[in-house]
Amino acid sequence: MQQPMNDVNGIGKNRKCLVTGGAGGLGTAICTTFCLAGYRVFMHDLPTSAGAEVAAQINAAAGEDRVTFLPGDLADLNGLRNTAAKLLAEEGGMDVLVNNGGIDTLGELEGVSLQEFLDTQTVNSGAAFVLSQALSPAMKQRGGGQIVNIMSIILSGGWNGRVPYAMSKGSLLGLTRALARELGPFNIRVNAVSPGAIPTNIERKFWTDSREELDRFILDKQSLKFRATAQDVADAVFFLVSDQSRFITGHELHVNGGWYMG
């Protein structure tokens, strides 16, 4: 386990991390990784999610209550801003922000409604903007911090029916680079992780017929001939907030087994 950047009290001690979409497959792995490294983790996810149960399970594994579930909806940007303000008031700010939450919109261009398009942009990229804007001033005051945006291999192209989703992830890439430039002088590093095909509930949602067929399709595309896990993505995120990546900012880290090499 890598040691986080700016760590003066031992690995993760007294450091705080906010993870959106924290109760999902990738989010759970990210929250667990930071929790076991000693961070206090604030897991944001829908009120209807299994967030409370997932947080309790992670805390039980850690032997200490370090994960707090924050119910909320990324589609409600005003509500999200209020949540961030409350965190600032109660916790004095976050050291790490992981913008992981999102929705996966599927459909040919002509069939996508305006509301579906707007919802996808709001949840997948608008929420990341709101949280980055709200939390970065306190990071400046604390002497630095890290923001990691979770993107997708979908942005590389090659798939039909993914225009709103790919567009939202492209916005995250622009956000990553622009924030890295603007916040760098304040010792705030901003990077992105772009996962490939990771076995999660979202993957299973779109491939319900044959897991073997799906595995064959993915392994044929990848250079590395094994399936990834959510932990592979969580490890990449943790690397990008650790001192081992202290000279990396504005970067999109591909974690896809050599499927796409951009």
Protein backbone atom coordinates (compact mmCIF):
# COMPACT_ATOMS: atom_id res chain seq x y z
CA MET A 1 0.00 0.00 0.00
CA GLN A 2 1.48 3.34 -1.03
CA GLN A 3 1.82 6.17 1.46
CA PRO A 4 -0.43 9.14 0.72
CA MET A 5 0.97 12.55 -0.15
CA ASN A 6 1.43 15.19 2.59
CA ASP A 7 1.12 12.48 5.23
CA VAL A 8 2.73 13.72 8.43
CA ASN A 9 0.84 11.60 10.95
CA GLY A 10 1.21 8.10 9.51
CA ILE A 11 -0.60 6.51 6.61
CA GLY A 12 -3.90 8.25 6.14
CA LYS A 13 -4.21 9.34 9.76
CA ASN A 14 -6.39 12.44 10.14
CA ARG A 15 -6.83 12.59 6.36
CA LYS A 16 -10.30 12.74 4.86
CA CYS A 17 -11.65 11.51 1.55
CA LEU A 18 -15.00 12.03 -0.19
CA VAL A 19 -16.01 9.38 -2.73
CA THR A 20 -19.13 9.77 -4.85
CA GLY A 21 -20.90 6.65 -6.07
CA GLY A 22 -19.26 5.01 -3.09
CA ALA A 23 -21.69 2.12 -2.70
CA GLY A 24 -21.20 0.76 -6.24
CA GLY A 25 -18.64 -1.77 -7.39
CA LEU A 26 -15.78 0.63 -8.07
CA GLY A 27 -16.82 2.97 -5.27
CA THR A 28 -16.83 0.22 -2.66
CA ALA A 29 -13.32 -0.85 -3.62
CA ILE A 30 -12.10 2.75 -3.52
CA CYS A 31 -13.72 3.43 -0.15
CA THR A 32 -12.33 0.20 1.29
CA THR A 33 -8.82 0.95 0.05
CA PHE A 34 -8.76 4.41 1.59
CA CYS A 35 -10.38 3.21 4.82
CA LEU A 36 -7.82 0.42 5.31
CA ALA A 37 -5.08 2.98 4.67
CA GLY A 38 -6.33 4.95 7.66
CA TYR A 39 -8.42 7.62 5.97
CA ARG A 40 -11.75 8.84 7.21
CA VAL A 41 -13.99 8.16 4.23
CA PHE A 42 -17.25 9.89 3.36
CA MET A 43 -19.22 7.66 1.03
CA HIS A 44 -21.77 9.57 -1.04
CA ASP A 45 -24.49 7.64 -2.85
CA LEU A 46 -28.22 7.56 -3.43
CA PRO A 47 -30.50 7.23 -0.38
CA THR A 48 -31.91 4.10 -2.03
CA SER A 49 -28.48 2.51 -2.40
CA ALA A 50 -26.92 -0.03 -0.07
CA GLY A 51 -24.56 2.66 1.20
CA ALA A 52 -25.34 2.26 4.90
CA GLU A 53 -24.83 -1.50 4.75
CA VAL A 54 -21.66 -1.23 2.65
CA ALA A 55 -20.19 1.36 5.02
CA ALA A 56 -20.94 -0.88 7.99
CA GLN A 57 -19.25 -3.83 6.29
CA ILE A 58 -16.11 -1.82 5.53
CA ASN A 59 -15.99 -0.51 9.09
CA ALA A 60 -16.33 -4.04 10.44
CA ALA A 61 -13.41 -5.18 8.28
CA ALA A 62 -11.31 -2.23 9.43
CA GLY A 63 -12.21 -2.76 13.08
CA GLU A 64 -12.97 0.95 13.39
CA ASP A 65 -15.73 3.32 12.26
CA ARG A 66 -13.93 5.30 9.58
CA VAL A 67 -16.54 5.26 6.79
CA THR A 68 -19.57 7.55 6.95
CA PHE A 69 -22.44 7.15 4.50
CA LEU A 70 -23.75 10.40 3.03
CA PRO A 71 -27.08 9.87 1.23
CA GLY A 72 -27.69 12.22 -1.66
CA ASP A 73 -28.35 12.55 -5.37
CA LEU A 74 -25.70 13.85 -7.77
CA ALA A 75 -28.52 15.03 -10.04
CA ASP A 76 -29.45 17.61 -7.39
CA LEU A 77 -26.57 20.07 -7.80
CA ASN A 78 -27.94 22.53 -5.25
CA GLY A 79 -28.37 19.75 -2.73
CA LEU A 80 -24.85 18.55 -3.49
CA ARG A 81 -23.49 22.04 -2.86
CA ASN A 82 -25.29 22.07 0.50
CA THR A 83 -23.78 18.68 1.37
CA ALA A 84 -20.32 20.01 0.57
CA ALA A 85 -20.93 23.13 2.68
CA LYS A 86 -21.99 20.97 5.61
CA LEU A 87 -18.86 18.84 5.27
CA LEU A 88 -16.72 21.97 5.24
CA ALA A 89 -18.44 23.30 8.35
CA GLU A 90 -18.20 20.03 10.26
CA GLU A 91 -14.91 18.61 9.01
CA GLY A 92 -12.91 21.63 7.88
CA GLY A 93 -12.51 20.25 4.38
CA MET A 94 -11.40 17.15 2.49
CA ASP A 95 -7.88 16.11 1.57
CA VAL A 96 -9.07 13.91 -1.31
CA LEU A 97 -12.07 14.06 -3.63
CA VAL A 98 -12.86 11.09 -5.87
CA ASN A 99 -15.55 11.90 -8.43
CA ASN A 100 -16.64 8.35 -9.17
CA GLY A 101 -20.44 8.48 -9.27
CA GLY A 102 -22.24 8.39 -12.57
CA ILE A 103 -25.02 6.97 -14.72
CA ASP A 104 -24.58 4.94 -17.89
CA THR A 105 -26.88 6.08 -20.69
CA LEU A 106 -27.35 3.67 -23.59
CA GLY A 107 -29.18 4.37 -26.84
CA GLU A 108 -28.77 5.47 -30.43
CA LEU A 109 -28.52 9.23 -30.96
CA GLU A 110 -32.01 9.67 -32.40
CA GLY A 111 -33.63 7.88 -29.49
CA VAL A 112 -31.99 9.80 -26.64
CA SER A 113 -34.38 12.26 -25.02
CA LEU A 114 -33.23 15.72 -24.05
CA GLN A 115 -33.85 14.89 -20.39
CA GLU A 116 -31.69 11.75 -20.59
CA PHE A 117 -28.92 13.80 -22.17
CA LEU A 118 -29.12 16.54 -19.53
CA ASP A 119 -29.29 14.05 -16.65
CA THR A 120 -26.18 12.27 -17.91
CA GLN A 121 -24.18 15.51 -18.14
CA THR A 122 -25.38 16.68 -14.74
CA VAL A 123 -24.58 13.50 -12.85
CA ASN A 124 -21.40 12.47 -14.65
CA SER A 125 -19.65 15.81 -15.01
CA GLY A 126 -21.71 18.62 -13.48
CA ALA A 127 -21.52 17.07 -10.02
CA ALA A 128 -17.73 16.77 -10.31
CA PHE A 129 -17.53 20.48 -11.14
CA VAL A 130 -19.73 21.45 -8.19
CA LEU A 131 -17.74 19.39 -5.68
CA SER A 132 -14.38 20.50 -7.04
CA GLN A 133 -15.47 24.13 -6.85
CA ALA A 134 -16.86 23.72 -3.34
CA LEU A 135 -13.99 21.75 -1.79
CA SER A 136 -10.90 23.19 -3.45
CA PRO A 137 -10.78 26.44 -1.41
CA ALA A 138 -10.35 24.45 1.80
CA MET A 139 -7.69 22.33 0.10
CA LYS A 140 -5.81 25.53 -0.67
CA GLN A 141 -6.04 26.57 2.97
CA ARG A 142 -4.83 23.12 4.10
CA GLY A 143 -1.76 23.37 1.87
CA GLY A 144 -2.82 20.95 -0.87
CA GLY A 145 -4.98 18.02 -1.83
CA GLN A 146 -5.89 15.63 -4.60
CA ILE A 147 -8.86 15.26 -6.93
CA VAL A 148 -9.35 12.11 -9.01
CA ASN A 149 -12.04 11.90 -11.68
CA ILE A 150 -13.21 8.48 -12.85
CA MET A 151 -13.61 8.39 -16.62
CA SER A 152 -14.10 5.42 -18.98
CA ILE A 153 -12.63 3.59 -21.95
CA ILE A 154 -15.89 4.52 -23.72
CA LEU A 155 -14.37 7.95 -24.39
CA SER A 156 -11.89 6.32 -26.78
CA GLY A 157 -14.70 5.65 -29.25
CA GLY A 158 -15.56 2.38 -30.93
CA TRP A 159 -19.05 1.98 -29.50
CA ASN A 160 -22.42 2.96 -30.93
CA GLY A 161 -25.21 4.25 -28.76
CA ARG A 162 -23.02 5.96 -26.17
CA VAL A 163 -22.97 9.62 -27.23
CA PRO A 164 -24.29 11.27 -24.01
CA TYR A 165 -22.12 9.04 -21.81
CA ALA A 166 -18.94 9.57 -23.85
CA MET A 167 -19.61 13.30 -23.98
CA SER A 168 -19.93 13.47 -20.19
CA LYS A 169 -16.63 11.64 -19.76
CA GLY A 170 -14.99 13.99 -22.24
CA SER A 171 -16.14 16.84 -20.02
CA LEU A 172 -14.39 15.16 -17.11
CA LEU A 173 -11.16 15.04 -19.10
CA GLY A 174 -11.43 18.76 -19.79
CA LEU A 175 -12.21 19.40 -16.13
CA THR A 176 -9.20 17.34 -15.07
CA ARG A 177 -6.75 19.24 -17.24
CA ALA A 178 -8.17 22.70 -16.56
CA LEU A 179 -8.29 22.14 -12.80
CA ALA A 180 -4.76 20.72 -12.79
CA ARG A 181 -3.51 23.92 -14.39
CA GLU A 182 -5.48 26.26 -12.14
CA LEU A 183 -4.97 24.46 -8.84
CA GLY A 184 -1.39 23.25 -9.30
CA PRO A 185 0.18 26.37 -7.73
CA PHE A 186 -1.73 25.51 -4.54
CA ASN A 187 -0.28 21.98 -4.38
CA ILE A 188 -3.58 20.46 -5.48
CA ARG A 189 -3.09 17.69 -8.00
CA VAL A 190 -5.93 16.66 -10.32
CA ASN A 191 -5.86 13.45 -12.32
CA ALA A 192 -8.23 10.96 -13.92
CA VAL A 193 -8.48 7.18 -13.99
CA SER A 194 -10.04 5.69 -17.12
CA PRO A 195 -11.09 2.07 -16.44
CA GLY A 196 -11.61 -0.51 -19.13
CA ALA A 197 -14.03 -3.42 -18.77
CA ILE A 198 -14.40 -4.02 -15.03
CA PRO A 199 -16.84 -6.69 -13.78
CA THR A 200 -19.43 -4.65 -11.89
CA ASN A 201 -23.20 -4.50 -11.69
CA ILE A 202 -23.24 -2.00 -14.58
CA GLU A 203 -21.46 -4.51 -16.79
CA ARG A 204 -23.86 -7.25 -15.78
CA LYS A 205 -26.78 -4.91 -16.50
CA PHE A 206 -25.92 -4.81 -20.21
CA TRP A 207 -24.64 -8.40 -20.55
CA THR A 208 -27.21 -10.67 -19.00
CA ASP A 209 -27.16 -13.60 -21.43
CA SER A 210 -23.70 -15.11 -21.52
CA ARG A 211 -20.84 -14.27 -19.19
CA GLU A 212 -18.54 -16.55 -21.16
CA GLU A 213 -19.33 -14.70 -24.37
CA LEU A 214 -18.64 -11.38 -22.66
CA ASP A 215 -15.32 -12.60 -21.23
CA ARG A 216 -14.21 -13.86 -24.64
CA PHE A 217 -15.12 -10.54 -26.25
CA ILE A 218 -13.18 -8.52 -23.66
CA LEU A 219 -10.11 -10.74 -23.53
CA ASP A 220 -9.89 -10.63 -27.31
CA LYS A 221 -9.73 -6.82 -27.12
CA GLN A 222 -7.25 -6.65 -24.26
CA SER A 223 -3.50 -7.15 -24.56
CA LEU A 224 -3.48 -8.69 -21.05
CA LYS A 225 -5.49 -11.89 -21.11
CA PHE A 226 -7.20 -11.75 -17.74
CA ARG A 227 -10.17 -9.88 -16.35
CA ALA A 228 -9.59 -6.92 -14.10
CA THR A 229 -11.19 -6.34 -10.72
CA ALA A 230 -12.52 -3.21 -9.06
CA GLN A 231 -9.43 -3.33 -6.85
CA ASP A 232 -7.24 -2.67 -9.88
CA VAL A 233 -9.03 0.65 -10.32
CA ALA A 234 -8.94 1.45 -6.60
CA ASP A 235 -5.18 0.84 -6.55
CA ALA A 236 -4.73 3.25 -9.47
CA VAL A 237 -6.77 5.91 -7.67
CA PHE A 238 -4.75 5.43 -4.49
CA PHE A 239 -1.50 5.71 -6.44
CA LEU A 240 -2.61 9.06 -7.84
CA VAL A 241 -3.10 10.51 -4.36
CA SER A 242 0.09 9.01 -2.96
CA ASP A 243 3.52 10.59 -2.73
CA GLN A 244 4.69 8.19 -5.45
CA SER A 245 2.75 10.33 -7.94
CA ARG A 246 3.67 13.71 -6.46
CA PHE A 247 4.89 15.04 -9.85
CA ILE A 248 1.85 13.83 -11.81
CA THR A 249 -1.11 16.11 -12.51
CA GLY A 250 -3.52 16.64 -15.38
CA HIS A 251 -3.02 12.99 -16.39
CA GLU A 252 -5.53 10.37 -17.59
CA LEU A 253 -4.34 6.98 -16.33
CA HIS A 254 -5.69 4.13 -18.47
CA VAL A 255 -6.47 0.95 -16.53
CA ASN A 256 -7.75 -1.32 -19.28
CA GLY A 257 -5.29 -4.17 -19.83
CA GLY A 258 -4.04 -2.66 -23.09
CA TRP A 259 -7.45 -2.53 -24.77
CA TYR A 260 -6.97 1.15 -25.60
CA MET A 261 -3.52 2.77 -25.64
CA GLY A 262 -4.03 6.51 -25.85
